C-alpha atoms as a PDB file:
ATOM      1  CA  MET A   1    -112.993  77.896  18.432  1.00  0.00           C
ATOM      2  CA  GLY A   2    -115.054  75.046  18.283  1.00  0.00           C
ATOM      3  CA  LEU A   3    -112.934  73.493  15.438  1.00  0.00           C
ATOM      4  CA  PHE A   4    -110.157  73.295  18.125  1.00  0.00           C
ATOM      5  CA  ASN A   5    -112.504  72.038  20.880  1.00  0.00           C
ATOM      6  CA  ARG A   6    -113.001  69.025  18.721  1.00  0.00           C
ATOM      7  CA  MET A   7    -109.584  67.575  19.147  1.00  0.00           C
ATOM      8  CA  LYS A   8    -109.151  64.172  20.772  1.00  0.00           C
ATOM      9  CA  GLU A   9    -106.068  62.570  19.327  1.00  0.00           C
ATOM     10  CA  PRO A  10    -102.369  63.653  19.598  1.00  0.00           C
ATOM     11  CA  ILE A  11    -100.583  65.424  16.460  1.00  0.00           C
ATOM     12  CA  PHE A  12     -97.528  65.558  15.598  1.00  0.00           C
ATOM     13  CA  LEU A  13     -96.306  69.236  14.233  1.00  0.00           C
ATOM     14  CA  LYS A  14     -92.942  68.107  13.584  1.00  0.00           C
ATOM     15  CA  GLU A  15     -92.377  64.349  13.262  1.00  0.00           C
ATOM     16  CA  SER A  16     -88.904  64.084  11.311  1.00  0.00           C
ATOM     17  CA  SER A  17     -85.556  63.547  12.525  1.00  0.00           C
ATOM     18  CA  ASN A  18     -82.447  64.578  11.227  1.00  0.00           C
ATOM     19  CA  ALA A  19     -80.795  61.112  12.828  1.00  0.00           C
ATOM     20  CA  GLU A  20     -82.409  58.823   9.811  1.00  0.00           C
ATOM     21  CA  LEU A  21     -80.572  61.629   7.222  1.00  0.00           C
ATOM     22  CA  GLN A  22     -77.323  61.177   9.229  1.00  0.00           C
ATOM     23  CA  LEU A  23     -77.723  56.915   9.329  1.00  0.00           C
ATOM     24  CA  GLU A  24     -78.192  57.435   5.374  1.00  0.00           C
ATOM     25  CA  LYS A  25     -75.066  59.307   4.904  1.00  0.00           C
ATOM     26  CA  LEU A  26     -72.975  57.043   7.372  1.00  0.00           C
ATOM     27  CA  LYS A  27     -73.947  54.104   5.094  1.00  0.00           C
ATOM     28  CA  ALA A  28     -73.247  55.746   2.044  1.00  0.00           C
ATOM     29  CA  LEU A  29     -70.016  56.365   3.470  1.00  0.00           C
ATOM     30  CA  GLU A  30     -68.956  53.203   4.716  1.00  0.00           C
ATOM     31  CA  PRO A  31     -67.607  51.740   1.312  1.00  0.00           C
ATOM     32  CA  LEU A  32     -65.237  54.377   0.737  1.00  0.00           C
ATOM     33  CA  LEU A  33     -63.401  53.317   3.993  1.00  0.00           C
ATOM     34  CA  ASN A  34     -60.479  51.215   4.542  1.00  0.00           C
ATOM     35  CA  PRO A  35     -61.396  48.437   7.269  1.00  0.00           C
ATOM     36  CA  ASP A  36     -60.290  50.421  10.520  1.00  0.00           C
ATOM     37  CA  GLY A  37     -62.646  53.131   8.976  1.00  0.00           C
ATOM     38  CA  GLN A  38     -65.454  50.801   8.361  1.00  0.00           C
ATOM     39  CA  THR A  39     -65.134  49.110  11.877  1.00  0.00           C
ATOM     40  CA  MET A  40     -65.549  52.386  13.400  1.00  0.00           C
ATOM     41  CA  ILE A  41     -68.082  53.477  11.333  1.00  0.00           C
ATOM     42  CA  ARG A  42     -70.188  50.467  11.646  1.00  0.00           C
ATOM     43  CA  GLN A  43     -70.062  50.794  15.519  1.00  0.00           C
ATOM     44  CA  ASP A  44     -71.533  54.446  15.088  1.00  0.00           C
ATOM     45  CA  ILE A  45     -74.110  53.193  12.654  1.00  0.00           C
ATOM     46  CA  LYS A  46     -75.281  50.782  15.390  1.00  0.00           C
ATOM     47  CA  CYS A  47     -75.685  53.057  17.849  1.00  0.00           C
ATOM     48  CA  LEU A  48     -77.891  55.566  16.060  1.00  0.00           C
ATOM     49  CA  GLU A  49     -80.123  53.043  14.801  1.00  0.00           C
ATOM     50  CA  TYR A  50     -80.506  51.909  17.969  1.00  0.00           C
ATOM     51  CA  GLY A  51     -81.455  55.776  18.919  1.00  0.00           C
ATOM     52  CA  ILE A  52     -83.396  55.853  16.406  1.00  0.00           C
ATOM     53  CA  ALA A  53     -85.351  52.340  17.381  1.00  0.00           C
ATOM     54  CA  GLY A  54     -85.782  54.363  20.877  1.00  0.00           C
ATOM     55  CA  GLU A  55     -87.128  57.436  19.830  1.00  0.00           C
ATOM     56  CA  LYS A  56     -89.813  55.697  17.265  1.00  0.00           C
ATOM     57  CA  ASN A  57     -90.908  53.360  20.635  1.00  0.00           C
ATOM     58  CA  ILE A  58     -91.581  56.628  22.206  1.00  0.00           C
ATOM     59  CA  ALA A  59     -93.393  58.083  19.053  1.00  0.00           C
ATOM     60  CA  PHE A  60     -95.534  54.782  19.110  1.00  0.00           C
ATOM     61  CA  GLU A  61     -96.734  55.529  22.729  1.00  0.00           C
ATOM     62  CA  LEU A  62     -97.469  59.197  21.967  1.00  0.00           C
ATOM     63  CA  LYS A  63     -99.298  58.478  18.866  1.00  0.00           C
ATOM     64  CA  ASN A  64    -101.348  55.740  20.840  1.00  0.00           C
ATOM     65  CA  SER A  65    -102.113  57.705  23.991  1.00  0.00           C
ATOM     66  CA  HIS A  66    -105.423  59.112  22.649  1.00  0.00           C
ATOM     67  CA  MET A  67    -105.202  62.588  24.562  1.00  0.00           C
ATOM     68  CA  PRO A  68    -105.266  66.033  22.194  1.00  0.00           C
ATOM     69  CA  MET A  69    -102.068  66.949  22.883  1.00  0.00           C
ATOM     70  CA  TYR A  70     -99.043  68.618  20.049  1.00  0.00           C
ATOM     71  CA  ILE A  71     -95.874  66.711  19.360  1.00  0.00           C
ATOM     72  CA  LEU A  72     -92.837  68.032  18.306  1.00  0.00           C
ATOM     73  CA  HIS A  73     -89.802  65.494  17.626  1.00  0.00           C
ATOM     74  CA  ASP A  74     -85.792  66.902  17.585  1.00  0.00           C
ATOM     75  CA  ILE A  75     -86.056  70.576  17.934  1.00  0.00           C
ATOM     76  CA  TYR A  76     -82.620  72.361  17.950  1.00  0.00           C
ATOM     77  CA  LEU A  77     -82.736  75.726  20.048  1.00  0.00           C
ATOM     78  CA  GLU A  78     -79.964  77.860  20.326  1.00  0.00           C
ATOM     79  CA  ASP A  79     -79.098  81.279  21.855  1.00  0.00           C
ATOM     80  CA  GLY A  80     -75.591  82.678  21.084  1.00  0.00           C
ATOM     81  CA  ASP A  81     -73.286  79.839  22.530  1.00  0.00           C
ATOM     82  CA  LEU A  82     -76.099  77.962  24.231  1.00  0.00           C
ATOM     83  CA  ASN A  83     -78.169  75.255  22.502  1.00  0.00           C
ATOM     84  CA  ALA A  84     -79.953  72.456  23.234  1.00  0.00           C
ATOM     85  CA  GLN A  85     -81.239  69.141  20.703  1.00  0.00           C
ATOM     86  CA  ILE A  86     -84.045  68.055  22.583  1.00  0.00           C
ATOM     87  CA  ASP A  87     -85.635  65.141  21.745  1.00  0.00           C
ATOM     88  CA  TYR A  88     -89.708  65.488  22.119  1.00  0.00           C
ATOM     89  CA  LEU A  89     -91.473  68.456  23.227  1.00  0.00           C
ATOM     90  CA  VAL A  90     -95.266  67.037  24.079  1.00  0.00           C
ATOM     91  CA  PHE A  91     -97.731  69.861  24.390  1.00  0.00           C
ATOM     92  CA  THR A  92    -100.941  69.355  26.400  1.00  0.00           C
ATOM     93  CA  LYS A  93    -103.625  71.662  27.547  1.00  0.00           C
ATOM     94  CA  LYS A  94    -101.987  72.255  31.153  1.00  0.00           C
ATOM     95  CA  MET A  95     -98.492  71.997  30.972  1.00  0.00           C
ATOM     96  CA  CYS A  96     -95.203  70.602  28.419  1.00  0.00           C
ATOM     97  CA  PHE A  97     -93.570  67.690  28.794  1.00  0.00           C
ATOM     98  CA  VAL A  98     -89.713  68.022  27.942  1.00  0.00           C
ATOM     99  CA  ILE A  99     -88.260  64.236  27.006  1.00  0.00           C
ATOM    100  CA  GLU A 100     -85.323  62.952  26.895  1.00  0.00           C
ATOM    101  CA  CYS A 101     -85.029  59.433  25.227  1.00  0.00           C
ATOM    102  CA  LYS A 102     -82.238  56.964  26.160  1.00  0.00           C
ATOM    103  CA  ASN A 103     -81.995  53.896  24.361  1.00  0.00           C
ATOM    104  CA  LEU A 104     -79.572  52.160  26.413  1.00  0.00           C
ATOM    105  CA  TYR A 105     -78.111  48.741  26.576  1.00  0.00           C
ATOM    106  CA  GLY A 106     -77.790  47.074  29.880  1.00  0.00           C
ATOM    107  CA  ASN A 107     -79.242  47.996  33.094  1.00  0.00           C
ATOM    108  CA  ILE A 108     -79.582  51.339  34.760  1.00  0.00           C
ATOM    109  CA  GLU A 109     -78.899  51.777  38.589  1.00  0.00           C
ATOM    110  CA  ILE A 110     -79.431  55.677  40.149  1.00  0.00           C
ATOM    111  CA  ASN A 111     -77.775  55.902  43.483  1.00  0.00           C
ATOM    112  CA  ASN A 112     -78.611  58.012  46.206  1.00  0.00           C
ATOM    113  CA  THR A 113     -76.527  60.603  45.151  1.00  0.00           C
ATOM    114  CA  GLY A 114     -78.150  60.698  41.652  1.00  0.00           C
ATOM    115  CA  ASP A 115     -75.202  59.093  39.936  1.00  0.00           C
ATOM    116  CA  PHE A 116     -76.402  56.737  36.784  1.00  0.00           C
ATOM    117  CA  ILE A 117     -74.259  53.733  36.597  1.00  0.00           C
ATOM    118  CA  ARG A 118     -75.056  51.061  33.585  1.00  0.00           C
ATOM    119  CA  THR A 119     -73.944  47.497  34.314  1.00  0.00           C
ATOM    120  CA  MET A 120     -73.545  45.525  31.014  1.00  0.00           C
ATOM    121  CA  GLU A 121     -72.904  41.551  30.466  1.00  0.00           C
ATOM    122  CA  PHE A 122     -70.153  40.640  27.691  1.00  0.00           C
ATOM    123  CA  GLY A 123     -69.301  36.866  27.559  1.00  0.00           C
ATOM    124  CA  GLY A 124     -70.781  36.202  31.218  1.00  0.00           C
ATOM    125  CA  LYS A 125     -68.597  39.030  32.734  1.00  0.00           C
ATOM    126  CA  LYS A 126     -70.724  41.880  34.065  1.00  0.00           C
ATOM    127  CA  LYS A 127     -69.237  45.466  33.245  1.00  0.00           C
ATOM    128  CA  LYS A 128     -70.256  48.256  35.253  1.00  0.00           C
ATOM    129  CA  GLU A 129     -69.684  51.723  33.955  1.00  0.00           C
ATOM    130  CA  GLY A 130     -70.936  55.667  34.950  1.00  0.00           C
ATOM    131  CA  ILE A 131     -72.873  57.359  32.388  1.00  0.00           C
ATOM    132  CA  TYR A 132     -73.818  61.404  32.159  1.00  0.00           C
ATOM    133  CA  SER A 133     -76.801  61.995  33.726  1.00  0.00           C
ATOM    134  CA  PRO A 134     -79.701  62.426  31.654  1.00  0.00           C
ATOM    135  CA  ILE A 135     -82.005  64.212  34.253  1.00  0.00           C
ATOM    136  CA  THR A 136     -78.589  67.233  34.126  1.00  0.00           C
ATOM    137  CA  GLN A 137     -79.020  67.166  30.257  1.00  0.00           C
ATOM    138  CA  ASN A 138     -82.552  67.452  30.290  1.00  0.00           C
ATOM    139  CA  GLN A 139     -82.334  70.415  32.815  1.00  0.00           C
ATOM    140  CA  ARG A 140     -79.974  72.306  30.760  1.00  0.00           C
ATOM    141  CA  HIS A 141     -82.777  71.889  27.928  1.00  0.00           C
ATOM    142  CA  LEU A 142     -85.395  73.471  30.182  1.00  0.00           C
ATOM    143  CA  GLU A 143     -83.064  76.129  31.213  1.00  0.00           C
ATOM    144  CA  LEU A 144     -82.306  77.341  27.554  1.00  0.00           C
ATOM    145  CA  MET A 145     -86.190  77.084  27.046  1.00  0.00           C
ATOM    146  CA  LYS A 146     -86.880  79.187  30.004  1.00  0.00           C
ATOM    147  CA  LYS A 147     -84.252  81.726  28.653  1.00  0.00           C
ATOM    148  CA  LEU A 148     -85.491  82.058  25.478  1.00  0.00           C
ATOM    149  CA  LYS A 149     -88.974  82.134  26.363  1.00  0.00           C
ATOM    150  CA  THR A 150     -87.944  85.249  29.335  1.00  0.00           C
ATOM    151  CA  ASP A 151     -86.125  87.083  26.284  1.00  0.00           C
ATOM    152  CA  SER A 152     -88.923  87.132  23.871  1.00  0.00           C
ATOM    153  CA  LYS A 153     -91.583  89.286  26.668  1.00  0.00           C
ATOM    154  CA  ASN A 154     -91.291  92.958  26.351  1.00  0.00           C
ATOM    155  CA  ASN A 155     -91.426  94.219  29.814  1.00  0.00           C
ATOM    156  CA  ILE A 156     -89.920  93.466  33.536  1.00  0.00           C
ATOM    157  CA  PHE A 157     -93.340  92.404  34.502  1.00  0.00           C
ATOM    158  CA  THR A 158     -93.978  89.615  31.889  1.00  0.00           C
ATOM    159  CA  LYS A 159     -90.527  88.592  32.265  1.00  0.00           C
ATOM    160  CA  PHE A 160     -90.429  88.167  35.825  1.00  0.00           C
ATOM    161  CA  MET A 161     -93.900  86.182  35.561  1.00  0.00           C
ATOM    162  CA  THR A 162     -92.579  84.392  33.007  1.00  0.00           C
ATOM    163  CA  GLY A 163     -89.218  83.042  34.601  1.00  0.00           C
ATOM    164  CA  LYS A 164     -91.062  82.779  37.977  1.00  0.00           C
ATOM    165  CA  TYR A 165     -93.812  79.995  36.994  1.00  0.00           C
ATOM    166  CA  PHE A 166     -91.854  78.409  33.646  1.00  0.00           C
ATOM    167  CA  GLU A 167     -91.313  75.070  36.098  1.00  0.00           C
ATOM    168  CA  ASP A 168     -95.208  75.033  36.749  1.00  0.00           C
ATOM    169  CA  PHE A 169     -96.013  74.881  33.099  1.00  0.00           C
ATOM    170  CA  ASN A 170     -92.514  72.550  31.970  1.00  0.00           C
ATOM    171  CA  LYS A 171     -92.186  69.342  33.066  1.00  0.00           C
ATOM    172  CA  SER A 172     -88.651  67.335  32.833  1.00  0.00           C
ATOM    173  CA  ILE A 173     -88.790  63.372  31.812  1.00  0.00           C
ATOM    174  CA  VAL A 174     -86.073  61.001  31.013  1.00  0.00           C
ATOM    175  CA  VAL A 175     -87.527  58.096  29.254  1.00  0.00           C
ATOM    176  CA  LEU A 176     -85.437  54.599  28.918  1.00  0.00           C
ATOM    177  CA  ALA A 177     -86.740  53.343  25.441  1.00  0.00           C
ATOM    178  CA  ASN A 178     -85.122  49.909  25.631  1.00  0.00           C
ATOM    179  CA  PRO A 179     -88.012  47.634  26.525  1.00  0.00           C
ATOM    180  CA  LYS A 180     -84.919  44.883  27.986  1.00  0.00           C
ATOM    181  CA  THR A 181     -83.554  47.224  30.496  1.00  0.00           C
ATOM    182  CA  VAL A 182     -83.834  47.078  34.080  1.00  0.00           C
ATOM    183  CA  LEU A 183     -83.737  50.232  35.906  1.00  0.00           C
ATOM    184  CA  ASN A 184     -83.009  50.217  39.552  1.00  0.00           C
ATOM    185  CA  ALA A 185     -84.000  53.479  41.421  1.00  0.00           C
ATOM    186  CA  LYS A 186     -84.853  52.296  44.896  1.00  0.00           C
ATOM    187  CA  PHE A 187     -81.856  54.302  46.409  1.00  0.00           C
ATOM    188  CA  ALA A 188     -82.277  57.429  44.583  1.00  0.00           C
ATOM    189  CA  LYS A 189     -84.126  60.585  46.020  1.00  0.00           C
ATOM    190  CA  LYS A 190     -88.034  61.198  45.170  1.00  0.00           C
ATOM    191  CA  GLU A 191     -87.149  64.093  43.259  1.00  0.00           C
ATOM    192  CA  VAL A 192     -84.413  61.834  41.004  1.00  0.00           C
ATOM    193  CA  LYS A 193     -86.700  58.917  40.977  1.00  0.00           C
ATOM    194  CA  GLU A 194     -89.653  60.653  39.452  1.00  0.00           C
ATOM    195  CA  LYS A 195     -88.067  62.182  36.439  1.00  0.00           C
ATOM    196  CA  VAL A 196     -87.003  58.740  34.855  1.00  0.00           C
ATOM    197  CA  ILE A 197     -89.262  55.995  33.845  1.00  0.00           C
ATOM    198  CA  ARG A 198     -89.838  53.470  31.146  1.00  0.00           C
ATOM    199  CA  ALA A 199     -91.241  53.800  27.411  1.00  0.00           C
ATOM    200  CA  ASP A 200     -94.600  52.089  28.637  1.00  0.00           C
ATOM    201  CA  GLN A 201     -95.056  53.606  31.089  1.00  0.00           C
ATOM    202  CA  LEU A 202     -95.004  57.066  29.448  1.00  0.00           C
ATOM    203  CA  VAL A 203     -98.471  57.832  28.552  1.00  0.00           C
ATOM    204  CA  LYS A 204     -99.648  56.867  32.005  1.00  0.00           C
ATOM    205  CA  TYR A 205     -97.166  58.943  33.487  1.00  0.00           C
ATOM    206  CA  ILE A 206     -98.710  62.195  31.288  1.00  0.00           C
ATOM    207  CA  LYS A 207    -102.234  61.324  32.247  1.00  0.00           C
ATOM    208  CA  ASP A 208    -101.111  61.576  35.971  1.00  0.00           C
ATOM    209  CA  MET A 209     -99.343  64.382  35.799  1.00  0.00           C
ATOM    210  CA  TYR A 210    -102.156  66.265  33.802  1.00  0.00           C
ATOM    211  CA  GLU A 211    -104.440  65.119  36.271  1.00  0.00           C
ATOM    212  CA  LYS A 212    -102.540  66.362  39.519  1.00  0.00           C
ATOM    213  CA  SER A 213    -101.920  69.376  37.699  1.00  0.00           C
ATOM    214  CA  LYS A 214    -103.734  72.486  39.418  1.00  0.00           C
ATOM    215  CA  GLU A 215    -103.491  74.475  36.442  1.00  0.00           C
ATOM    216  CA  LEU A 216    -106.406  75.719  34.373  1.00  0.00           C
ATOM    217  CA  ALA A 217    -107.016  73.501  31.053  1.00  0.00           C
ATOM    218  CA  ASP A 218    -106.445  75.772  27.901  1.00  0.00           C
ATOM    219  CA  LEU A 219    -108.357  75.815  24.935  1.00  0.00           C
ATOM    220  CA  ASP A 220    -107.128  73.764  22.072  1.00  0.00           C
ATOM    221  CA  GLU A 221    -106.146  76.814  20.203  1.00  0.00           C
ATOM    222  CA  ARG A 222    -103.650  78.160  22.642  1.00  0.00           C
ATOM    223  CA  MET A 223    -102.356  74.908  22.986  1.00  0.00           C
ATOM    224  CA  LEU A 224    -101.420  74.706  19.149  1.00  0.00           C
ATOM    225  CA  GLU A 225    -100.069  78.139  19.598  1.00  0.00           C
ATOM    226  CA  TRP A 226     -97.965  77.454  22.303  1.00  0.00           C
ATOM    227  CA  ALA A 227     -96.593  74.305  20.416  1.00  0.00           C
ATOM    228  CA  LYS A 228     -95.976  76.640  17.102  1.00  0.00           C
ATOM    229  CA  SER A 229     -93.958  79.171  19.460  1.00  0.00           C
ATOM    230  CA  TYR A 230     -91.110  76.594  19.717  1.00  0.00           C
ATOM    231  CA  LEU A 231     -91.697  75.018  16.256  1.00  0.00           C
ATOM    232  CA  ASN A 232     -90.799  78.900  15.204  1.00  0.00           C
ATOM    233  CA  LEU A 233     -87.628  79.036  17.244  1.00  0.00           C
ATOM    234  CA  HIS A 234     -86.473  75.715  15.984  1.00  0.00           C
ATOM    235  CA  ARG A 235     -83.531  75.892  13.579  1.00  0.00           C
ATOM    236  CA  GLU A 236     -82.217  73.186  11.176  1.00  0.00           C
ATOM    237  CA  VAL A 237     -79.040  72.553  11.310  1.00  0.00           C
ATOM    238  CA  GLU A 238     -76.686  70.713   8.647  1.00  0.00           C
ATOM    239  CA  LYS A 239     -73.625  69.217  10.403  1.00  0.00           C
ATOM    240  CA  ASP A 240     -71.314  67.063   8.857  1.00  0.00           C
ATOM    241  CA  TYR A 241     -71.278  63.941  10.149  1.00  0.00           C
ATOM    242  CA  THR A 242     -68.382  62.328   7.958  1.00  0.00           C
ATOM    243  CA  GLU A 243     -65.489  64.981   8.580  1.00  0.00           C
ATOM    244  CA  LYS A 244     -64.265  62.402  11.788  1.00  0.00           C
ATOM    245  CA  TYR A 245     -63.711  59.520   9.048  1.00  0.00           C
ATOM    246  CA  GLU A 246     -61.481  61.506   6.876  1.00  0.00           C
ATOM    247  CA  GLN A 247     -57.983  59.705   7.776  1.00  0.00           C
ATOM    248  CA  TYR A 248     -59.680  56.643   6.910  1.00  0.00           C
ATOM    249  CA  LYS A 249     -60.579  57.081   3.143  1.00  0.00           C
ATOM    250  CA  ILE A 250     -59.166  55.073   0.571  1.00  0.00           C
ATOM    251  CA  THR A 251     -57.890  56.831  -2.186  1.00  0.00           C
ATOM    252  CA  SER A 252     -60.213  55.045  -5.146  1.00  0.00           C
ATOM    253  CA  ILE A 253     -62.946  52.520  -5.710  1.00  0.00           C
ATOM    254  CA  LYS A 254     -64.385  51.017  -8.405  1.00  0.00           C
ATOM    255  CA  SER A 255     -67.799  52.052  -9.805  1.00  0.00           C
ATOM    256  CA  GLU A 256     -70.334  49.544  -9.938  1.00  0.00           C
ATOM    257  CA  ASN A 257     -71.168  49.941 -13.576  1.00  0.00           C
ATOM    258  CA  SER A 258     -67.432  50.666 -15.037  1.00  0.00           C
ATOM    259  CA  GLN A 259     -63.998  49.858 -14.604  1.00  0.00           C
ATOM    260  CA  GLU A 260     -62.864  53.628 -14.337  1.00  0.00           C
ATOM    261  CA  PRO A 261     -61.652  54.360 -11.035  1.00  0.00           C
ATOM    262  CA  ILE A 262     -63.837  56.999  -9.042  1.00  0.00           C
ATOM    263  CA  ILE A 263     -61.065  59.389  -7.427  1.00  0.00           C
ATOM    264  CA  VAL A 264     -62.022  60.176  -3.570  1.00  0.00           C
ATOM    265  CA  LYS A 265     -60.834  63.929  -2.763  1.00  0.00           C
ATOM    266  CA  GLU A 266     -58.767  64.031   0.685  1.00  0.00           C
ATOM    267  CA  GLY A 267     -59.050  67.045   2.927  1.00  0.00           C
ATOM    268  CA  LYS A 268     -62.324  68.735   4.091  1.00  0.00           C
ATOM    269  CA  ARG A 269     -64.709  67.965   1.204  1.00  0.00           C
ATOM    270  CA  SER A 270     -65.870  64.378   1.075  1.00  0.00           C
ATOM    271  CA  ALA A 271     -66.908  62.358  -1.994  1.00  0.00           C
ATOM    272  CA  ILE A 272     -70.446  62.863  -0.733  1.00  0.00           C
ATOM    273  CA  ALA A 273     -70.042  66.697  -0.422  1.00  0.00           C
ATOM    274  CA  ASP A 274     -68.991  66.870  -4.260  1.00  0.00           C
ATOM    275  CA  VAL A 275     -71.932  64.624  -5.072  1.00  0.00           C
ATOM    276  CA  ALA A 276     -74.034  66.692  -3.115  1.00  0.00           C
ATOM    277  CA  ALA A 277     -73.056  69.800  -4.705  1.00  0.00           C
ATOM    278  CA  ALA A 278     -73.679  68.558  -8.374  1.00  0.00           C
ATOM    279  CA  VAL A 279     -77.045  67.811  -7.390  1.00  0.00           C
ATOM    280  CA  GLU A 280     -77.862  71.229  -6.484  1.00  0.00           C
ATOM    281  CA  ASP A 281     -77.277  72.319 -10.217  1.00  0.00           C
ATOM    282  CA  THR A 282     -79.802  69.777 -11.895  1.00  0.00           C
ATOM    283  CA  ASN A 283     -83.161  71.153 -12.760  1.00  0.00           C
ATOM    284  CA  ILE A 284     -85.016  68.648 -10.496  1.00  0.00           C
ATOM    285  CA  PHE A 285     -83.262  70.160  -7.356  1.00  0.00           C
ATOM    286  CA  LYS A 286     -84.296  73.976  -8.654  1.00  0.00           C
ATOM    287  CA  GLU A 287     -88.425  72.680  -9.018  1.00  0.00           C
ATOM    288  CA  LEU A 288     -88.346  71.038  -6.153  1.00  0.00           C
ATOM    289  CA  LYS A 289     -86.701  74.014  -4.366  1.00  0.00           C
ATOM    290  CA  LEU A 290     -89.458  76.118  -5.827  1.00  0.00           C
ATOM    291  CA  TYR A 291     -92.045  74.072  -5.084  1.00  0.00           C
ATOM    292  CA  ARG A 292     -90.994  73.910  -1.572  1.00  0.00           C
ATOM    293  CA  LEU A 293     -90.710  77.788  -1.388  1.00  0.00           C
ATOM    294  CA  ASN A 294     -94.082  78.390  -2.824  1.00  0.00           C
ATOM    295  CA  LYS A 295     -95.699  75.812  -0.340  1.00  0.00           C
ATOM    296  CA  SER A 296     -93.999  77.567   2.505  1.00  0.00           C
ATOM    297  CA  ARG A 297     -95.701  80.905   1.319  1.00  0.00           C
ATOM    298  CA  GLU A 298     -99.123  79.640   0.753  1.00  0.00           C
ATOM    299  CA  GLU A 299     -98.818  77.877   4.448  1.00  0.00           C
ATOM    300  CA  ASN A 300     -97.057  81.112   6.162  1.00  0.00           C
ATOM    301  CA  ILE A 301     -94.071  78.429   7.326  1.00  0.00           C
ATOM    302  CA  LYS A 302     -90.660  78.367   6.972  1.00  0.00           C
ATOM    303  CA  PRO A 303     -89.669  76.344   3.997  1.00  0.00           C
ATOM    304  CA  TYR A 304     -87.716  73.890   5.502  1.00  0.00           C
ATOM    305  CA  PHE A 305     -90.691  72.365   7.632  1.00  0.00           C
ATOM    306  CA  ILE A 306     -91.575  70.856   4.522  1.00  0.00           C
ATOM    307  CA  TYR A 307     -88.005  69.100   3.747  1.00  0.00           C
ATOM    308  CA  ASN A 308     -84.609  70.847   4.686  1.00  0.00           C
ATOM    309  CA  ASP A 309     -81.674  70.446   1.627  1.00  0.00           C
ATOM    310  CA  ASN A 310     -80.315  67.436   2.982  1.00  0.00           C
ATOM    311  CA  GLN A 311     -83.603  65.695   2.842  1.00  0.00           C
ATOM    312  CA  LEU A 312     -84.303  67.029  -0.670  1.00  0.00           C
ATOM    313  CA  LYS A 313     -80.872  65.739  -2.150  1.00  0.00           C
ATOM    314  CA  TYR A 314     -81.874  62.545   0.227  1.00  0.00           C
ATOM    315  CA  LEU A 315     -85.101  62.465  -2.021  1.00  0.00           C
ATOM    316  CA  ILE A 316     -83.539  62.994  -5.429  1.00  0.00           C
ATOM    317  CA  SER A 317     -80.567  59.985  -4.948  1.00  0.00           C
ATOM    318  CA  LYS A 318     -84.180  57.795  -4.131  1.00  0.00           C
ATOM    319  CA  MET A 319     -86.393  59.105  -6.838  1.00  0.00           C
ATOM    320  CA  PRO A 320     -89.462  57.329  -5.575  1.00  0.00           C
ATOM    321  CA  ARG A 321     -92.192  56.712  -8.073  1.00  0.00           C
ATOM    322  CA  ASN A 322     -95.360  56.250  -5.851  1.00  0.00           C
ATOM    323  CA  LYS A 323     -96.273  56.774  -2.168  1.00  0.00           C
ATOM    324  CA  GLU A 324     -94.651  53.588  -0.668  1.00  0.00           C
ATOM    325  CA  GLU A 325     -91.733  54.718  -1.896  1.00  0.00           C
ATOM    326  CA  LEU A 326     -91.565  57.963  -0.376  1.00  0.00           C
ATOM    327  CA  GLN A 327     -92.440  56.879   2.556  1.00  0.00           C
ATOM    328  CA  THR A 328     -88.582  55.521   2.865  1.00  0.00           C
ATOM    329  CA  VAL A 329     -87.243  58.648   2.452  1.00  0.00           C
ATOM    330  CA  ALA A 330     -85.980  59.775   5.622  1.00  0.00           C
ATOM    331  CA  GLY A 331     -88.039  62.822   6.831  1.00  0.00           C
ATOM    332  CA  PHE A 332     -91.157  61.839   5.055  1.00  0.00           C
ATOM    333  CA  GLY A 333     -93.538  60.515   7.162  1.00  0.00           C
ATOM    334  CA  ALA A 334     -97.500  59.810   6.608  1.00  0.00           C
ATOM    335  CA  ALA A 335     -98.858  63.126   7.143  1.00  0.00           C
ATOM    336  CA  LYS A 336     -96.192  65.217   4.673  1.00  0.00           C
ATOM    337  CA  ILE A 337     -96.835  62.794   2.349  1.00  0.00           C
ATOM    338  CA  ASN A 338    -100.620  62.786   2.424  1.00  0.00           C
ATOM    339  CA  LYS A 339    -100.076  66.870   2.148  1.00  0.00           C
ATOM    340  CA  TYR A 340     -97.179  66.958  -0.194  1.00  0.00           C
ATOM    341  CA  GLY A 341     -96.722  63.382  -1.943  1.00  0.00           C
ATOM    342  CA  TYR A 342     -98.775  63.708  -4.824  1.00  0.00           C
ATOM    343  CA  ASP A 343     -97.385  67.186  -6.168  1.00  0.00           C
ATOM    344  CA  ILE A 344     -93.773  65.858  -5.452  1.00  0.00           C
ATOM    345  CA  LEU A 345     -94.008  62.466  -7.215  1.00  0.00           C
ATOM    346  CA  LYS A 346     -95.787  64.405 -10.291  1.00  0.00           C
ATOM    347  CA  ILE A 347     -92.314  66.450 -10.230  1.00  0.00           C
ATOM    348  CA  ILE A 348     -90.164  63.436  -9.960  1.00  0.00           C
ATOM    349  CA  GLU A 349     -92.118  61.708 -12.679  1.00  0.00           C
ATOM    350  CA  LYS A 350     -90.793  63.844 -15.074  1.00  0.00           C
ATOM    351  CA  TYR A 351     -87.479  63.140 -14.555  1.00  0.00           C
ATOM    352  CA  ASN A 352     -88.115  59.503 -14.048  1.00  0.00           C
ATOM    353  CA  ARG A 353     -88.919  58.904 -17.938  1.00  0.00           C
END
């Protein structure tokens, strides 16, 4: 127990995000598209890069909070037809903060009915548009979290108590991650205004809410168990981010190292999918997958907590030779590299010779 009570700094239990892997897939697909497709995918790439930058801004703030808390990034929860992609779950000794990250271009106004209105300027002209309320979006995330927690209880009393006090321990917050965004919420209702802040206000907000809470501070060990309960509910979902571009694919392209054309199949399976399927038959894929399985059994965690299949394929495509190169691979942050990097690089080294 003493070990847990010495915790002073934030710890990321899940730091990686599927967004960076999605970005690499889109960048790899871009040269296979015709001009119309490339115009579309470049816009999607730009938006995705913007979103990733916003989430990194929040990660930076949390890492420098100097608070004892556990953090989960990019959590996917599912229950039947219901699902939620949550940007950040931040667990403190008193409460959990459910964070929806918005890295929006332009300025944001929230009116007295709770509508979000964005103003953008192009060529000296201003354009206003309504956007879907991130408060409503995040509230749906909390409702699913509440349902999952309530359904997990074994008797009517604990189900009732979990549902009744859920909002006391779980707080929704929308964070505007773009430092250039101006937020105008002077006409918004108080309960709406309190749920939207800028990234540079996040740590102060968490500390203020923590101090105001009348709940008893839990032990570090219990805080860890709470965070892990959601980490265990997280599901890795491998989505096809390329299907929308099928109609824009060119029929063939020239290989960089050969004059022979590479045929790009049309239909449901893309060229990237064909390459990915071939990777799964290689010895290096099988060895790294076996390493992942053995490690997960040693640590009593799910294999994809170490790296999922998409991250594994991307790792093989990069074939890093050292920790610096490994850090450029999507899904491999400093903590993961410190823990598994040496073993992974030793396996890759055999196939780099």
